[in-house]
Amino acid sequence: MTAPVPAPRPDGRPVPVVDCALYQDGERRPGLLPLTEAMGACHRSTGGFVWIGLREPSVDQLQVVADAFDLHPLAVEDAVHPHQRPKLERYGDTLFLVLKTAVYVEHDRLTPTSEVVSTGQIMIFAGPDFAVVVRHGDSPDLRVVRRQLEGRPELLAHGPAAVVHAIADTVVDEYLDVIRAVEADVEQVEADVFSPERTDDAGRIYQLKREMLELRRAVVPLALPLRGLAEGKVPGFDPEIRAYLRDVGDHLDQASERITGFVELLDSVLSANLAQLGIQQSTDLRRISAWAAIIAVPTMIVGIYGMNFDHMPELRWTFGYPLVLAVIVIACTLTYRSFRRNDWL
């Protein structure tokens, strides 16, 4: 059966194709095929499939491909709007897999507003003779994935299932790379909290925790779709690729465990930071109270002798003034030493 050649878009803008190629028995046909030719060629070839890569297409642009491969409207709608949870759905002979990607954002120093993890999405339509990949936002360069997979024709011969595995494996490996980079930020925050210097790290800890929760929302929900593919719960998926997907699932579990560990560690660090702030505030309050008590001694004495009474002890005595000063100094000294002994100063 030959697919109909899609009509040009009314506005004349091209479909944003990153790469488009026909693969036969694991080997790429030479050249970059025009989209219309590739969509027809996949139906005419035996044992071959087309791999089309799209970058942030609009609804009209993706509809060109959807009409050629009979993609379900609900899946097409999800592929245009990138804010989706990782999931796996099946529409007839077509699988629709959504993966959230994660990229580490380089920064000199973590601040309460630093972006640490930037996320995007990859949607994969995998049919018997085609793989349509739609990318949104920050994501790994799938051209590298394509070149690596083209270097393994024995794996690429498994068709669209091999593409699903290669992309999922790359996304999960990127999770692990992000986690390794984030680990340095977590260690730095932990070191700052327990350093002798007084710093207010609560904002940085909250920000890092938010970034970790965002990363966890990308990683954890992907486990169920990968498990469904690896355990053969999806009919028609190449059985030989399942072993590779089980390995990807193991790496995903490692990523999930490490992210959970980071979140728990940040909770502990935040609790420690708040406890330190409480201790510091208590220490400051004690110091203020101690100095206030010391200042109260001369204030009380001069307050008494500042009263304008005629008959007061030692009021007209020659040594009254030096005596009062001596009493003030001795009283303040004794009060100061008492507070020092009790670690209030």
Protein backbone atom coordinates (compact mmCIF):
# COMPACT_ATOMS: atom_id res chain seq x y z
CA MET A 1 0.00 0.00 0.00
CA THR A 2 1.37 3.43 -0.91
CA ALA A 3 0.77 6.29 1.47
CA PRO A 4 -0.80 9.40 0.00
CA VAL A 5 1.58 12.29 -0.51
CA PRO A 6 0.53 15.07 1.87
CA ALA A 7 -0.49 18.36 0.37
CA PRO A 8 1.69 21.41 1.04
CA ARG A 9 0.73 23.44 4.08
CA PRO A 10 -1.40 26.50 3.31
CA ASP A 11 1.08 28.93 4.85
CA GLY A 12 3.98 27.44 2.92
CA ARG A 13 6.13 26.84 6.01
CA PRO A 14 8.04 23.54 6.00
CA VAL A 15 7.58 20.84 8.58
CA PRO A 16 10.51 21.19 11.07
CA VAL A 17 12.32 17.97 10.18
CA VAL A 18 15.69 17.40 11.88
CA ASP A 19 16.41 14.17 10.01
CA CYS A 20 14.46 11.76 7.86
CA ALA A 21 15.79 8.48 6.51
CA LEU A 22 14.74 5.08 5.25
CA TYR A 23 16.38 2.01 6.81
CA GLN A 24 16.48 -1.37 5.13
CA ASP A 25 17.74 -4.41 7.07
CA GLY A 26 19.53 -2.16 9.55
CA GLU A 27 21.26 -0.06 6.89
CA ARG A 28 20.43 3.51 6.05
CA ARG A 29 19.57 4.32 2.49
CA PRO A 30 21.98 7.01 1.28
CA GLY A 31 21.00 10.63 1.66
CA LEU A 32 18.45 12.66 3.53
CA LEU A 33 15.03 11.84 2.12
CA PRO A 34 12.40 14.52 1.63
CA LEU A 35 9.57 13.99 4.06
CA THR A 36 6.95 13.21 1.41
CA GLU A 37 9.17 10.60 -0.29
CA ALA A 38 10.10 8.93 3.00
CA MET A 39 6.50 8.56 4.10
CA GLY A 40 5.64 6.77 0.89
CA ALA A 41 8.83 4.70 0.79
CA CYS A 42 8.26 3.09 4.17
CA HIS A 43 5.04 1.48 2.92
CA ARG A 44 6.58 0.33 -0.34
CA SER A 45 9.67 -1.31 1.19
CA THR A 46 9.80 -4.78 2.72
CA GLY A 47 11.54 -5.12 6.08
CA GLY A 48 12.32 -1.44 6.18
CA PHE A 49 11.14 1.53 8.19
CA VAL A 50 11.35 5.30 8.20
CA TRP A 51 12.78 7.28 11.10
CA ILE A 52 11.59 10.90 11.16
CA GLY A 53 12.84 13.41 13.70
CA LEU A 54 10.81 16.57 14.34
CA ARG A 55 11.67 19.55 16.52
CA GLU A 56 8.81 21.44 18.23
CA PRO A 57 6.24 21.19 15.42
CA SER A 58 2.95 23.05 15.53
CA VAL A 59 -0.40 21.31 15.27
CA ASP A 60 -0.63 21.93 11.53
CA GLN A 61 2.95 20.81 10.94
CA LEU A 62 2.55 17.56 12.85
CA GLN A 63 -0.78 16.92 11.18
CA VAL A 64 1.06 16.45 7.88
CA VAL A 65 2.87 13.45 9.33
CA ALA A 66 -0.19 12.29 11.28
CA ASP A 67 -2.28 12.07 8.11
CA ALA A 68 0.37 9.96 6.37
CA PHE A 69 0.81 7.45 9.19
CA ASP A 70 -2.74 7.51 10.56
CA LEU A 71 -1.68 8.73 14.00
CA HIS A 72 -4.42 9.00 16.60
CA PRO A 73 -5.67 12.58 17.14
CA LEU A 74 -5.33 12.33 20.93
CA ALA A 75 -1.70 11.28 20.64
CA VAL A 76 -1.04 14.05 18.11
CA GLU A 77 -2.54 16.59 20.49
CA ASP A 78 -0.31 15.33 23.32
CA ALA A 79 2.75 15.49 21.06
CA VAL A 80 2.20 19.17 20.33
CA HIS A 81 1.75 20.17 23.99
CA PRO A 82 4.90 19.18 25.87
CA HIS A 83 3.57 19.28 29.44
CA GLN A 84 2.83 15.58 29.70
CA ARG A 85 3.71 12.91 32.24
CA PRO A 86 5.86 10.00 31.04
CA LYS A 87 3.44 7.40 29.72
CA LEU A 88 2.93 4.60 27.22
CA GLU A 89 -0.23 4.26 25.15
CA ARG A 90 -1.23 2.04 22.28
CA TYR A 91 -3.43 3.08 19.37
CA GLY A 92 -3.97 0.10 17.08
CA ASP A 93 -0.53 -0.91 15.77
CA THR A 94 1.09 2.31 16.92
CA LEU A 95 2.84 2.84 20.24
CA PHE A 96 2.98 6.32 21.73
CA LEU A 97 5.72 6.80 24.34
CA VAL A 98 6.29 10.06 26.24
CA LEU A 99 9.62 10.66 27.99
CA LYS A 100 10.61 13.69 30.03
CA THR A 101 14.19 14.74 29.46
CA ALA A 102 16.53 16.45 31.90
CA VAL A 103 19.62 18.59 31.30
CA TYR A 104 21.94 20.02 33.95
CA VAL A 105 22.20 23.82 33.87
CA GLU A 106 25.73 25.02 34.54
CA HIS A 107 26.09 27.77 37.17
CA ASP A 108 28.92 29.34 39.15
CA ARG A 109 27.19 29.16 42.52
CA LEU A 110 23.84 27.92 43.70
CA THR A 111 21.50 30.74 44.68
CA PRO A 112 17.86 30.78 45.89
CA THR A 113 16.82 31.37 42.25
CA SER A 114 19.32 29.19 40.39
CA GLU A 115 18.00 26.82 37.74
CA VAL A 116 19.76 23.51 38.21
CA VAL A 117 17.73 21.14 36.05
CA SER A 118 16.02 22.05 32.78
CA THR A 119 13.45 19.60 31.44
CA GLY A 120 11.98 18.89 28.04
CA GLN A 121 10.04 16.09 26.37
CA ILE A 122 10.44 13.48 23.69
CA MET A 123 7.41 11.79 22.15
CA ILE A 124 7.84 8.65 20.06
CA PHE A 125 5.27 7.23 17.64
CA ALA A 126 6.41 3.69 16.78
CA GLY A 127 4.52 1.70 14.17
CA PRO A 128 5.39 -1.43 12.17
CA ASP A 129 7.28 0.55 9.53
CA PHE A 130 7.91 3.99 11.00
CA ALA A 131 9.26 5.86 14.00
CA VAL A 132 8.28 9.49 14.40
CA VAL A 133 10.17 11.32 17.15
CA VAL A 134 9.01 14.73 18.37
CA ARG A 135 11.26 16.83 20.64
CA HIS A 136 10.35 19.78 22.84
CA GLY A 137 12.57 21.90 25.07
CA ASP A 138 16.00 20.88 26.34
CA SER A 139 16.83 17.31 25.45
CA PRO A 140 19.78 15.18 24.34
CA ASP A 141 20.92 15.56 20.74
CA LEU A 142 19.17 12.66 19.02
CA ARG A 143 21.36 13.06 15.95
CA VAL A 144 24.12 11.50 18.05
CA VAL A 145 21.75 8.68 19.02
CA ARG A 146 20.92 8.13 15.35
CA ARG A 147 24.60 7.95 14.37
CA GLN A 148 25.37 5.52 17.19
CA LEU A 149 22.47 3.30 16.25
CA GLU A 150 23.45 3.40 12.58
CA GLY A 151 26.81 2.02 13.68
CA ARG A 152 25.01 -1.07 15.02
CA PRO A 153 23.04 -2.40 12.05
CA GLU A 154 22.33 -5.70 13.81
CA LEU A 155 20.36 -3.76 16.44
CA LEU A 156 18.82 -1.31 13.99
CA ALA A 157 17.51 -4.28 11.99
CA HIS A 158 14.90 -4.75 14.72
CA GLY A 159 13.15 -1.68 13.36
CA PRO A 160 11.27 0.99 15.35
CA ALA A 161 11.66 -1.01 18.57
CA ALA A 162 15.41 -0.40 18.37
CA VAL A 163 14.76 3.34 18.05
CA VAL A 164 12.53 3.27 21.16
CA HIS A 165 15.24 1.48 23.12
CA ALA A 166 18.07 3.77 21.93
CA ILE A 167 16.21 6.96 22.81
CA ALA A 168 15.00 5.64 26.19
CA ASP A 169 18.53 4.49 27.01
CA THR A 170 19.95 7.91 26.13
CA VAL A 171 17.34 9.75 28.20
CA VAL A 172 17.98 7.56 31.24
CA ASP A 173 21.76 7.91 30.87
CA GLU A 174 21.21 11.67 30.79
CA TYR A 175 19.33 11.36 34.10
CA LEU A 176 22.40 9.72 35.64
CA ASP A 177 24.66 12.45 34.23
CA VAL A 178 22.41 15.13 35.73
CA ILE A 179 22.39 13.32 39.08
CA ARG A 180 26.19 13.16 39.14
CA ALA A 181 26.36 16.90 38.45
CA VAL A 182 23.69 17.74 41.04
CA GLU A 183 25.56 15.70 43.65
CA ALA A 184 28.25 18.39 43.73
CA ASP A 185 25.60 21.05 44.49
CA VAL A 186 24.13 18.92 47.29
CA GLU A 187 27.57 18.35 48.82
CA GLN A 188 28.36 22.09 48.61
CA VAL A 189 25.13 23.06 50.36
CA GLU A 190 25.72 20.44 53.05
CA ALA A 191 29.27 21.72 53.61
CA ASP A 192 28.08 25.34 53.83
CA VAL A 193 25.40 24.50 56.38
CA PHE A 194 27.89 22.83 58.72
CA SER A 195 30.69 25.34 58.15
CA PRO A 196 31.74 27.65 61.05
CA GLU A 197 30.66 30.70 59.08
CA ARG A 198 27.16 31.98 59.67
CA THR A 199 25.22 31.75 56.40
CA ASP A 200 21.54 31.68 55.59
CA ASP A 201 21.26 28.66 53.29
CA ALA A 202 17.52 27.95 53.61
CA GLY A 203 16.69 29.59 50.27
CA ARG A 204 19.38 27.63 48.44
CA ILE A 205 18.26 24.37 50.03
CA TYR A 206 14.62 24.99 49.11
CA GLN A 207 15.60 25.80 45.52
CA LEU A 208 17.74 22.69 45.18
CA LYS A 209 14.97 20.57 46.66
CA ARG A 210 12.47 22.00 44.16
CA GLU A 211 14.84 21.11 41.34
CA MET A 212 15.19 17.58 42.71
CA LEU A 213 11.43 17.19 42.90
CA GLU A 214 11.13 18.33 39.29
CA LEU A 215 13.74 15.76 38.29
CA ARG A 216 11.89 13.08 40.24
CA ARG A 217 8.66 13.92 38.39
CA ALA A 218 10.54 13.18 35.18
CA VAL A 219 12.22 9.98 36.34
CA VAL A 220 9.84 8.03 38.56
CA PRO A 221 6.74 7.84 36.29
CA LEU A 222 8.84 6.42 33.44
CA ALA A 223 9.33 3.15 35.33
CA LEU A 224 5.83 1.85 34.54
CA PRO A 225 6.03 2.35 30.73
CA LEU A 226 9.49 0.78 30.56
CA ARG A 227 8.32 -2.15 32.67
CA GLY A 228 5.37 -2.66 30.36
CA LEU A 229 7.64 -2.85 27.30
CA ALA A 230 10.33 -4.98 28.99
CA GLU A 231 7.86 -7.52 30.39
CA GLY A 232 6.03 -8.02 27.12
CA LYS A 233 2.78 -6.43 28.27
CA VAL A 234 2.58 -4.54 24.97
CA PRO A 235 1.62 -6.86 22.09
CA GLY A 236 3.67 -6.59 18.93
CA PHE A 237 6.80 -5.12 20.52
CA ASP A 238 10.00 -6.86 19.39
CA PRO A 239 10.83 -9.54 22.03
CA GLU A 240 14.59 -9.29 21.43
CA ILE A 241 14.60 -5.64 22.48
CA ARG A 242 12.99 -6.42 25.84
CA ALA A 243 16.31 -7.53 27.38
CA TYR A 244 17.86 -4.19 26.44
CA LEU A 245 14.92 -2.36 27.97
CA ARG A 246 15.27 -4.31 31.21
CA ASP A 247 18.81 -2.95 31.46
CA VAL A 248 17.45 0.57 30.88
CA GLY A 249 14.91 -0.07 33.63
CA ASP A 250 17.69 -1.05 36.03
CA HIS A 251 19.48 2.24 35.32
CA LEU A 252 16.22 4.10 35.84
CA ASP A 253 15.78 2.43 39.23
CA GLN A 254 19.28 3.56 40.20
CA ALA A 255 18.41 7.12 39.18
CA SER A 256 15.18 7.03 41.19
CA GLU A 257 16.94 5.74 44.30
CA ARG A 258 19.65 8.40 44.13
CA ILE A 259 17.12 11.20 43.64
CA THR A 260 15.13 9.93 46.63
CA GLY A 261 18.35 9.89 48.63
CA PHE A 262 19.10 13.48 47.62
CA VAL A 263 15.62 14.64 48.62
CA GLU A 264 15.90 12.94 52.02
CA LEU A 265 19.39 14.38 52.54
CA LEU A 266 18.17 17.88 51.66
CA ASP A 267 15.32 17.47 54.16
CA SER A 268 17.88 16.60 56.84
CA VAL A 269 20.16 19.46 55.83
CA LEU A 270 17.23 21.88 55.90
CA SER A 271 16.23 20.68 59.37
CA ALA A 272 19.81 21.09 60.54
CA ASN A 273 19.98 24.57 59.02
CA LEU A 274 16.76 25.64 60.75
CA ALA A 275 18.00 24.16 64.04
CA GLN A 276 21.25 26.10 63.67
CA LEU A 277 19.34 29.28 62.98
CA GLY A 278 17.29 28.66 66.14
CA ILE A 279 20.45 28.11 68.18
CA GLN A 280 22.07 31.22 66.72
CA GLN A 281 19.00 33.32 67.48
CA SER A 282 18.91 31.96 71.04
CA THR A 283 22.61 32.74 71.46
CA ASP A 284 22.12 36.25 70.12
CA LEU A 285 19.16 36.79 72.42
CA ARG A 286 21.19 35.68 75.46
CA ARG A 287 24.03 38.02 74.52
CA ILE A 288 21.65 40.94 74.11
CA SER A 289 20.03 40.13 77.44
CA ALA A 290 23.42 39.88 79.17
CA TRP A 291 24.60 43.25 77.87
CA ALA A 292 21.25 44.78 78.77
CA ALA A 293 21.69 43.49 82.34
CA ILE A 294 25.21 44.94 82.54
CA ILE A 295 24.03 48.30 81.27
CA ALA A 296 21.13 48.21 83.76
CA VAL A 297 23.54 48.32 86.73
CA PRO A 298 25.00 51.83 86.12
CA THR A 299 21.62 52.98 84.81
CA MET A 300 20.00 52.04 88.12
CA ILE A 301 22.71 53.69 90.24
CA VAL A 302 22.84 56.96 88.31
CA GLY A 303 19.07 56.93 88.19
CA ILE A 304 18.87 56.83 91.96
CA TYR A 305 21.44 59.58 92.43
CA GLY A 306 19.84 61.59 89.68
CA MET A 307 16.79 62.18 91.87
CA ASN A 308 16.74 65.75 93.18
CA PHE A 309 16.41 65.08 96.91
CA ASP A 310 18.32 67.16 99.41
CA HIS A 311 18.90 64.46 102.01
CA MET A 312 20.62 61.49 100.31
CA PRO A 313 23.54 59.40 101.67
CA GLU A 314 26.97 60.63 100.65
CA LEU A 315 25.36 63.34 98.54
CA ARG A 316 27.69 66.04 99.76
CA TRP A 317 30.57 63.79 100.73
CA THR A 318 33.93 64.59 99.09
CA PHE A 319 34.56 61.02 98.04
CA GLY A 320 30.96 60.23 97.03
CA TYR A 321 31.44 60.61 93.31
CA PRO A 322 34.57 58.37 93.08
CA LEU A 323 32.85 55.85 95.30
CA VAL A 324 29.81 55.64 93.04
CA LEU A 325 32.03 55.20 89.99
CA ALA A 326 33.96 52.45 91.74
CA VAL A 327 30.73 50.69 92.71
CA ILE A 328 29.51 50.90 89.12
CA VAL A 329 32.76 49.45 87.73
CA ILE A 330 32.90 46.64 90.29
CA ALA A 331 29.23 45.74 89.82
CA CYS A 332 29.52 45.72 86.01
CA THR A 333 32.71 43.64 86.20
CA LEU A 334 31.15 41.05 88.49
CA THR A 335 28.03 40.85 86.30
CA TYR A 336 30.16 40.46 83.16
CA ARG A 337 32.25 37.66 84.71
CA SER A 338 29.10 35.90 85.85
CA PHE A 339 27.65 35.91 82.32
CA ARG A 340 30.99 34.77 80.86
CA ARG A 341 31.08 31.83 83.28
CA ASN A 342 27.64 30.75 82.08
CA ASP A 343 28.55 31.15 78.37
CA TRP A 344 26.16 34.00 77.84
CA LEU A 345 28.98 36.20 76.54
